N, C-alpha and C. Protein backbone atom coordinates (compact mmCIF):
# COMPACT_ATOMS: atom_id res chain seq x y z
N MET A 1 0.85 -1.18 0.00
CA MET A 1 0.00 0.00 0.00
C MET A 1 0.89 1.23 0.00
N ASN A 2 0.65 2.10 -0.92
CA ASN A 2 1.45 3.31 -1.06
C ASN A 2 0.57 4.51 -0.78
N THR A 3 0.70 5.05 0.41
CA THR A 3 -0.10 6.23 0.76
C THR A 3 0.83 7.41 0.97
N LYS A 4 0.37 8.52 0.54
CA LYS A 4 1.13 9.74 0.75
C LYS A 4 0.49 10.51 1.89
N ARG A 5 1.32 10.92 2.82
CA ARG A 5 0.82 11.72 3.93
C ARG A 5 1.24 13.17 3.73
N LYS A 6 0.35 14.01 4.11
CA LYS A 6 0.67 15.44 4.07
C LYS A 6 1.62 15.73 5.23
N THR A 7 2.72 16.35 4.95
CA THR A 7 3.65 16.68 6.02
C THR A 7 3.23 17.99 6.66
N ILE A 8 3.35 18.01 7.95
CA ILE A 8 2.95 19.17 8.74
C ILE A 8 4.19 19.78 9.36
N ASP A 9 4.29 21.10 9.30
CA ASP A 9 5.45 21.79 9.84
C ASP A 9 5.50 21.77 11.37
N ASN A 10 4.38 21.57 12.01
CA ASN A 10 4.36 21.58 13.46
C ASN A 10 3.29 20.62 13.97
N ILE A 11 3.35 20.31 15.21
CA ILE A 11 2.47 19.31 15.82
C ILE A 11 1.00 19.70 15.74
N SER A 12 0.69 20.96 15.94
CA SER A 12 -0.70 21.41 15.98
C SER A 12 -1.39 21.33 14.63
N GLY A 13 -0.61 21.32 13.57
CA GLY A 13 -1.19 21.33 12.23
C GLY A 13 -1.53 22.73 11.74
N LYS A 14 -1.32 23.73 12.59
CA LYS A 14 -1.57 25.12 12.20
C LYS A 14 -0.42 25.61 11.33
N SER A 15 -0.68 26.67 10.62
CA SER A 15 0.37 27.24 9.78
C SER A 15 1.51 27.77 10.66
N THR A 16 2.69 27.78 10.08
CA THR A 16 3.85 28.30 10.81
C THR A 16 3.61 29.74 11.24
N TYR A 17 3.00 30.53 10.38
CA TYR A 17 2.68 31.91 10.71
C TYR A 17 1.80 31.98 11.97
N GLU A 18 0.76 31.15 12.02
CA GLU A 18 -0.16 31.16 13.16
C GLU A 18 0.54 30.71 14.44
N VAL A 19 1.37 29.69 14.34
CA VAL A 19 2.11 29.21 15.51
C VAL A 19 3.05 30.30 16.01
N ASN A 20 3.78 30.94 15.11
CA ASN A 20 4.70 32.01 15.51
C ASN A 20 3.95 33.18 16.14
N LYS A 21 2.81 33.51 15.57
CA LYS A 21 1.99 34.59 16.13
C LYS A 21 1.53 34.24 17.54
N GLN A 22 1.06 33.03 17.73
CA GLN A 22 0.61 32.60 19.07
C GLN A 22 1.77 32.59 20.06
N LEU A 23 2.92 32.16 19.61
CA LEU A 23 4.10 32.14 20.45
C LEU A 23 4.47 33.54 20.92
N LEU A 24 4.44 34.49 20.01
CA LEU A 24 4.75 35.87 20.38
C LEU A 24 3.67 36.46 21.28
N MET A 25 2.42 36.10 21.06
CA MET A 25 1.33 36.57 21.93
C MET A 25 1.52 36.04 23.35
N LYS A 26 1.90 34.78 23.47
CA LYS A 26 2.15 34.20 24.79
C LYS A 26 3.35 34.87 25.46
N THR A 27 4.34 35.21 24.66
CA THR A 27 5.50 35.92 25.20
C THR A 27 5.09 37.29 25.73
N ALA A 28 4.26 37.99 24.99
CA ALA A 28 3.76 39.29 25.44
C ALA A 28 2.99 39.13 26.75
N LYS A 29 2.22 38.06 26.85
CA LYS A 29 1.47 37.81 28.09
C LYS A 29 2.43 37.55 29.26
N MET A 30 3.50 36.81 29.00
CA MET A 30 4.49 36.55 30.04
C MET A 30 5.09 37.86 30.54
N TYR A 31 5.37 38.78 29.61
CA TYR A 31 5.90 40.08 30.03
C TYR A 31 4.85 40.89 30.79
N GLY A 32 3.59 40.74 30.42
CA GLY A 32 2.52 41.39 31.18
C GLY A 32 2.45 40.84 32.60
N ASP A 33 2.59 39.52 32.73
CA ASP A 33 2.60 38.90 34.06
C ASP A 33 3.82 39.35 34.86
N LEU A 34 4.95 39.49 34.17
CA LEU A 34 6.17 39.96 34.84
C LEU A 34 5.97 41.38 35.35
N GLU A 35 5.35 42.21 34.55
CA GLU A 35 5.05 43.59 34.98
C GLU A 35 4.19 43.57 36.24
N THR A 36 3.16 42.74 36.25
CA THR A 36 2.28 42.62 37.41
C THR A 36 3.06 42.15 38.64
N SER A 37 3.95 41.17 38.44
CA SER A 37 4.76 40.67 39.56
C SER A 37 5.65 41.77 40.12
N PHE A 38 6.28 42.54 39.24
CA PHE A 38 7.13 43.64 39.71
C PHE A 38 6.30 44.70 40.44
N LEU A 39 5.10 44.98 39.97
CA LEU A 39 4.27 45.97 40.65
C LEU A 39 3.86 45.48 42.04
N LYS A 40 3.59 44.19 42.18
CA LYS A 40 3.29 43.62 43.51
C LYS A 40 4.51 43.71 44.41
N MET A 41 5.69 43.43 43.84
CA MET A 41 6.93 43.55 44.61
C MET A 41 7.13 44.99 45.07
N ARG A 42 6.88 45.91 44.16
CA ARG A 42 7.02 47.34 44.48
C ARG A 42 6.16 47.70 45.67
N ASP A 43 4.94 47.20 45.69
CA ASP A 43 4.01 47.53 46.76
C ASP A 43 4.45 46.98 48.11
N SER A 44 5.28 45.94 48.11
CA SER A 44 5.73 45.38 49.38
C SER A 44 7.09 45.91 49.82
N CYS A 45 7.69 46.80 49.03
CA CYS A 45 8.99 47.39 49.38
C CYS A 45 8.84 48.40 50.50
N MET A 46 9.73 48.32 51.44
CA MET A 46 9.73 49.28 52.55
C MET A 46 10.58 50.52 52.21
N LYS A 47 11.64 50.32 51.46
CA LYS A 47 12.56 51.41 51.15
C LYS A 47 12.14 52.10 49.86
N PRO A 48 11.98 53.43 49.90
CA PRO A 48 11.56 54.17 48.70
C PRO A 48 12.50 53.98 47.51
N SER A 49 13.80 53.93 47.75
CA SER A 49 14.75 53.79 46.65
C SER A 49 14.59 52.43 45.96
N LEU A 50 14.36 51.38 46.73
CA LEU A 50 14.14 50.05 46.16
C LEU A 50 12.80 50.00 45.44
N ARG A 51 11.80 50.62 46.03
CA ARG A 51 10.47 50.66 45.40
C ARG A 51 10.57 51.32 44.01
N GLU A 52 11.34 52.39 43.93
CA GLU A 52 11.51 53.08 42.65
C GLU A 52 12.21 52.20 41.61
N LEU A 53 13.24 51.48 42.03
CA LEU A 53 13.95 50.59 41.11
C LEU A 53 13.06 49.45 40.63
N ILE A 54 12.29 48.86 41.52
CA ILE A 54 11.39 47.77 41.13
C ILE A 54 10.32 48.30 40.18
N GLU A 55 9.87 49.53 40.40
CA GLU A 55 8.90 50.13 39.48
C GLU A 55 9.53 50.32 38.09
N GLN A 56 10.81 50.66 38.05
CA GLN A 56 11.50 50.77 36.76
C GLN A 56 11.53 49.43 36.04
N PHE A 57 11.72 48.34 36.80
CA PHE A 57 11.69 47.01 36.19
C PHE A 57 10.28 46.69 35.66
N ALA A 58 9.25 47.13 36.37
CA ALA A 58 7.87 46.93 35.89
C ALA A 58 7.65 47.70 34.59
N ASP A 59 8.15 48.94 34.56
CA ASP A 59 8.04 49.74 33.33
C ASP A 59 8.77 49.07 32.17
N GLU A 60 9.93 48.51 32.47
CA GLU A 60 10.71 47.84 31.44
C GLU A 60 9.96 46.60 30.91
N ALA A 61 9.33 45.85 31.80
CA ALA A 61 8.55 44.67 31.37
C ALA A 61 7.37 45.12 30.50
N ARG A 62 6.73 46.23 30.87
CA ARG A 62 5.63 46.77 30.06
C ARG A 62 6.14 47.18 28.67
N ASN A 63 7.31 47.81 28.63
CA ASN A 63 7.91 48.19 27.35
C ASN A 63 8.24 46.96 26.52
N ASP A 64 8.74 45.91 27.18
CA ASP A 64 9.05 44.66 26.47
C ASP A 64 7.78 44.07 25.86
N LYS A 65 6.70 44.12 26.60
CA LYS A 65 5.41 43.62 26.11
C LYS A 65 4.99 44.41 24.88
N GLU A 66 5.12 45.72 24.95
CA GLU A 66 4.75 46.57 23.81
C GLU A 66 5.66 46.32 22.61
N GLU A 67 6.94 46.03 22.86
CA GLU A 67 7.87 45.69 21.78
C GLU A 67 7.43 44.42 21.06
N ILE A 68 6.98 43.44 21.82
CA ILE A 68 6.51 42.19 21.22
C ILE A 68 5.29 42.46 20.36
N TYR A 69 4.37 43.30 20.85
CA TYR A 69 3.20 43.65 20.04
C TYR A 69 3.61 44.39 18.77
N MET A 70 4.62 45.25 18.86
CA MET A 70 5.11 45.94 17.67
C MET A 70 5.73 44.95 16.69
N LEU A 71 6.43 43.96 17.22
CA LEU A 71 7.01 42.92 16.37
C LEU A 71 5.91 42.17 15.63
N LEU A 72 4.81 41.93 16.30
CA LEU A 72 3.67 41.26 15.66
C LEU A 72 3.10 42.09 14.51
N LYS A 73 3.28 43.41 14.61
CA LYS A 73 2.80 44.30 13.54
C LYS A 73 3.84 44.46 12.44
N GLY A 74 4.99 43.81 12.60
CA GLY A 74 6.00 43.84 11.54
C GLY A 74 7.17 44.75 11.79
N ASN A 75 7.25 45.37 12.95
CA ASN A 75 8.39 46.24 13.25
C ASN A 75 9.48 45.44 13.95
N GLU A 76 10.70 45.94 13.90
CA GLU A 76 11.83 45.25 14.50
C GLU A 76 11.84 45.44 16.02
N LEU A 77 12.29 44.42 16.72
CA LEU A 77 12.39 44.44 18.17
C LEU A 77 13.56 45.34 18.58
N LYS A 78 13.30 46.33 19.45
CA LYS A 78 14.33 47.29 19.83
C LYS A 78 14.49 47.32 21.34
N ILE A 79 15.07 46.27 21.91
CA ILE A 79 15.28 46.25 23.35
C ILE A 79 16.77 46.16 23.64
N GLU A 80 17.15 46.68 24.80
CA GLU A 80 18.55 46.66 25.21
C GLU A 80 18.93 45.24 25.61
N THR A 81 20.12 44.81 25.17
CA THR A 81 20.55 43.44 25.46
C THR A 81 22.00 43.40 25.90
N THR A 82 22.42 42.24 26.37
CA THR A 82 23.83 41.96 26.65
C THR A 82 24.08 40.51 26.30
N GLU A 83 25.29 40.20 25.90
CA GLU A 83 25.66 38.81 25.61
C GLU A 83 26.14 38.11 26.88
N ASN A 84 26.69 38.87 27.81
CA ASN A 84 27.32 38.30 28.99
C ASN A 84 26.34 38.21 30.16
N GLU A 85 26.53 37.18 30.95
CA GLU A 85 25.71 37.01 32.14
C GLU A 85 26.64 36.87 33.34
N TYR A 86 26.40 37.64 34.38
CA TYR A 86 27.28 37.60 35.55
C TYR A 86 27.14 36.29 36.31
N SER A 87 25.91 35.89 36.56
CA SER A 87 25.61 34.68 37.34
C SER A 87 26.26 34.70 38.71
N MET A 88 26.49 35.88 39.24
CA MET A 88 27.15 35.99 40.53
C MET A 88 26.20 35.63 41.67
N PHE A 89 24.93 35.50 41.38
CA PHE A 89 23.93 35.26 42.41
C PHE A 89 23.48 33.80 42.45
N ASP A 90 23.75 33.03 41.42
CA ASP A 90 23.19 31.69 41.27
C ASP A 90 23.46 30.78 42.46
N HIS A 91 24.62 30.85 43.05
CA HIS A 91 24.96 29.97 44.17
C HIS A 91 24.19 30.31 45.45
N LEU A 92 23.65 31.52 45.54
CA LEU A 92 22.91 31.93 46.75
C LEU A 92 21.41 31.67 46.65
N GLN A 93 20.93 31.41 45.48
CA GLN A 93 19.49 31.36 45.22
C GLN A 93 18.71 30.46 46.17
N LYS A 94 19.23 29.32 46.53
CA LYS A 94 18.48 28.36 47.34
C LYS A 94 18.48 28.69 48.83
N ASP A 95 19.36 29.57 49.27
CA ASP A 95 19.53 29.82 50.69
C ASP A 95 18.70 30.98 51.23
N ILE A 96 17.90 31.63 50.40
CA ILE A 96 17.19 32.82 50.83
C ILE A 96 15.82 32.46 51.40
N LEU A 97 15.63 32.78 52.66
CA LEU A 97 14.37 32.48 53.32
C LEU A 97 13.67 33.74 53.80
N ASP A 98 14.36 34.85 53.82
CA ASP A 98 13.85 36.13 54.32
C ASP A 98 12.66 36.59 53.49
N ASP A 99 11.76 37.35 54.13
CA ASP A 99 10.62 37.90 53.41
C ASP A 99 10.83 39.35 53.00
N GLY A 100 11.98 39.92 53.28
CA GLY A 100 12.23 41.33 52.99
C GLY A 100 12.76 41.56 51.60
N GLU A 101 13.59 42.61 51.48
CA GLU A 101 14.13 43.00 50.19
C GLU A 101 14.94 41.88 49.54
N GLU A 102 15.66 41.11 50.38
CA GLU A 102 16.47 40.02 49.85
C GLU A 102 15.59 39.02 49.09
N LYS A 103 14.48 38.63 49.66
CA LYS A 103 13.56 37.68 49.02
C LYS A 103 12.94 38.30 47.77
N LEU A 104 12.58 39.57 47.87
CA LEU A 104 11.97 40.27 46.75
C LEU A 104 12.88 40.28 45.53
N ILE A 105 14.13 40.63 45.74
CA ILE A 105 15.09 40.67 44.63
C ILE A 105 15.37 39.25 44.14
N SER A 106 15.46 38.31 45.07
CA SER A 106 15.66 36.91 44.69
C SER A 106 14.55 36.42 43.78
N ASP A 107 13.31 36.74 44.12
CA ASP A 107 12.17 36.33 43.29
C ASP A 107 12.25 36.96 41.90
N ALA A 108 12.63 38.22 41.84
CA ALA A 108 12.75 38.90 40.55
C ALA A 108 13.85 38.25 39.70
N ILE A 109 14.96 37.89 40.33
CA ILE A 109 16.05 37.23 39.60
C ILE A 109 15.58 35.87 39.09
N ARG A 110 14.86 35.15 39.92
CA ARG A 110 14.36 33.83 39.53
C ARG A 110 13.42 33.94 38.33
N ILE A 111 12.54 34.91 38.35
CA ILE A 111 11.60 35.11 37.25
C ILE A 111 12.36 35.42 35.96
N SER A 112 13.33 36.31 36.05
CA SER A 112 14.12 36.67 34.87
C SER A 112 14.89 35.47 34.33
N GLU A 113 15.45 34.67 35.23
CA GLU A 113 16.19 33.48 34.81
C GLU A 113 15.26 32.46 34.15
N GLU A 114 14.06 32.29 34.68
CA GLU A 114 13.11 31.36 34.07
C GLU A 114 12.69 31.84 32.67
N LEU A 115 12.47 33.12 32.51
CA LEU A 115 12.17 33.66 31.18
C LEU A 115 13.33 33.42 30.22
N ARG A 116 14.54 33.65 30.69
CA ARG A 116 15.71 33.43 29.85
C ARG A 116 15.77 31.98 29.38
N LYS A 117 15.51 31.05 30.29
CA LYS A 117 15.55 29.63 29.93
C LYS A 117 14.48 29.28 28.89
N VAL A 118 13.26 29.78 29.10
CA VAL A 118 12.17 29.51 28.16
C VAL A 118 12.50 30.08 26.79
N PHE A 119 12.94 31.32 26.76
CA PHE A 119 13.26 31.96 25.49
C PHE A 119 14.44 31.28 24.79
N SER A 120 15.38 30.79 25.58
CA SER A 120 16.52 30.07 25.02
C SER A 120 16.06 28.79 24.33
N LEU A 121 15.18 28.04 24.98
CA LEU A 121 14.64 26.82 24.38
C LEU A 121 13.87 27.13 23.09
N ILE A 122 13.07 28.17 23.13
CA ILE A 122 12.29 28.54 21.96
C ILE A 122 13.21 28.92 20.81
N SER A 123 14.25 29.69 21.11
CA SER A 123 15.15 30.15 20.04
C SER A 123 15.85 28.97 19.36
N ILE A 124 16.11 27.92 20.10
CA ILE A 124 16.76 26.74 19.54
C ILE A 124 15.79 25.94 18.67
N GLU A 125 14.55 25.87 19.08
CA GLU A 125 13.58 25.01 18.42
C GLU A 125 13.05 25.54 17.09
N TYR A 126 13.06 26.84 16.90
CA TYR A 126 12.44 27.39 15.70
C TYR A 126 13.45 27.62 14.59
N GLY A 127 13.11 27.14 13.41
CA GLY A 127 13.97 27.28 12.25
C GLY A 127 13.89 28.64 11.60
N SER A 128 12.80 29.33 11.83
CA SER A 128 12.61 30.65 11.25
C SER A 128 13.67 31.61 11.80
N THR A 129 14.43 32.21 10.90
CA THR A 129 15.48 33.14 11.32
C THR A 129 14.90 34.30 12.10
N GLU A 130 13.76 34.83 11.67
CA GLU A 130 13.13 35.96 12.35
C GLU A 130 12.75 35.59 13.78
N ILE A 131 12.10 34.44 13.94
CA ILE A 131 11.69 34.01 15.29
C ILE A 131 12.91 33.69 16.14
N ARG A 132 13.86 32.98 15.59
CA ARG A 132 15.07 32.63 16.34
C ARG A 132 15.80 33.90 16.80
N ASN A 133 15.98 34.86 15.89
CA ASN A 133 16.66 36.11 16.25
C ASN A 133 15.89 36.88 17.31
N THR A 134 14.57 36.87 17.20
CA THR A 134 13.74 37.56 18.20
C THR A 134 13.96 36.96 19.58
N PHE A 135 13.90 35.64 19.67
CA PHE A 135 14.03 35.02 20.98
C PHE A 135 15.46 35.04 21.49
N GLU A 136 16.43 35.04 20.61
CA GLU A 136 17.81 35.22 21.06
C GLU A 136 18.00 36.62 21.64
N LYS A 137 17.35 37.60 21.04
CA LYS A 137 17.40 38.96 21.57
C LYS A 137 16.73 39.01 22.95
N LEU A 138 15.61 38.31 23.10
CA LEU A 138 14.92 38.26 24.40
C LEU A 138 15.78 37.54 25.45
N VAL A 139 16.49 36.49 25.04
CA VAL A 139 17.41 35.80 25.95
C VAL A 139 18.45 36.78 26.46
N ASN A 140 19.04 37.53 25.54
CA ASN A 140 20.08 38.48 25.93
C ASN A 140 19.52 39.64 26.74
N HIS A 141 18.27 39.96 26.51
CA HIS A 141 17.63 41.00 27.32
C HIS A 141 17.42 40.51 28.75
N GLU A 142 17.01 39.26 28.89
CA GLU A 142 16.83 38.71 30.24
C GLU A 142 18.16 38.56 30.96
N LYS A 143 19.24 38.30 30.23
CA LYS A 143 20.57 38.28 30.85
C LYS A 143 20.87 39.66 31.42
N LEU A 144 20.57 40.70 30.64
CA LEU A 144 20.81 42.07 31.10
C LEU A 144 19.99 42.37 32.35
N ARG A 145 18.69 42.00 32.32
CA ARG A 145 17.83 42.27 33.48
C ARG A 145 18.35 41.53 34.71
N LYS A 146 18.75 40.28 34.53
CA LYS A 146 19.26 39.50 35.65
C LYS A 146 20.54 40.13 36.19
N ASN A 147 21.42 40.56 35.30
CA ASN A 147 22.64 41.25 35.74
C ASN A 147 22.31 42.49 36.56
N GLN A 148 21.34 43.27 36.10
CA GLN A 148 20.94 44.48 36.82
C GLN A 148 20.38 44.13 38.19
N LEU A 149 19.58 43.09 38.26
CA LEU A 149 19.01 42.66 39.55
C LEU A 149 20.11 42.15 40.49
N GLU A 150 21.07 41.43 39.94
CA GLU A 150 22.17 40.94 40.77
C GLU A 150 23.01 42.09 41.31
N GLU A 151 23.24 43.12 40.50
CA GLU A 151 23.95 44.29 40.97
C GLU A 151 23.16 44.99 42.08
N LEU A 152 21.84 45.07 41.89
CA LEU A 152 20.98 45.66 42.91
C LEU A 152 21.05 44.85 44.20
N TYR A 153 21.00 43.54 44.09
CA TYR A 153 21.12 42.67 45.26
C TYR A 153 22.44 42.93 45.98
N ASP A 154 23.51 43.01 45.20
CA ASP A 154 24.82 43.24 45.78
C ASP A 154 24.88 44.57 46.53
N GLU A 155 24.29 45.62 45.94
CA GLU A 155 24.29 46.93 46.58
C GLU A 155 23.43 46.96 47.83
N ILE A 156 22.25 46.36 47.76
CA ILE A 156 21.29 46.47 48.87
C ILE A 156 21.60 45.49 49.99
N VAL A 157 21.79 44.25 49.66
CA VAL A 157 21.90 43.21 50.68
C VAL A 157 23.34 42.99 51.12
N THR A 158 24.22 42.78 50.17
CA THR A 158 25.59 42.45 50.53
C THR A 158 26.34 43.64 51.11
N LYS A 159 26.26 44.77 50.44
CA LYS A 159 26.99 45.95 50.90
C LYS A 159 26.21 46.76 51.91
N GLY A 160 24.89 46.57 51.95
CA GLY A 160 24.07 47.30 52.91
C GLY A 160 24.07 48.79 52.69
N GLU A 161 24.22 49.23 51.46
CA GLU A 161 24.34 50.65 51.19
C GLU A 161 23.00 51.37 51.15
N TRP A 162 21.92 50.63 51.17
CA TRP A 162 20.62 51.29 51.09
C TRP A 162 20.07 51.42 52.46
């Protein structure tokens, strides 16, 4: 028996365009959730200077969400990125039990790291150069955010300068 099967580009059977669009929409939603998380963190900050910095991270997540929506409309993604990751905080991540600023920053670092991992997996899986480049840019953006949070942690908790 000789049967020909229609080959499908993806598991869902949807067009590649539709899958990519849904993927970017979910990414925008993740950034919206990140913004909400940062705003909740901001509300629990006791120190005004830390509250202001966390609010800046919320604004940045909102801007990232808007960038993804612009990408869906055909414009290029324009977010600040870095190739390097400090990872100076990774060894401390499991030892934080405090409910104060230390825990707050730790949670923000964890969220950024999880986004980086998800975006890294997505960038590897997609053959589309546009999608791969977009998610590689998001990976590098999350590296930058994590680096900034680690520097903040170092200033606030380790050095006690705040």
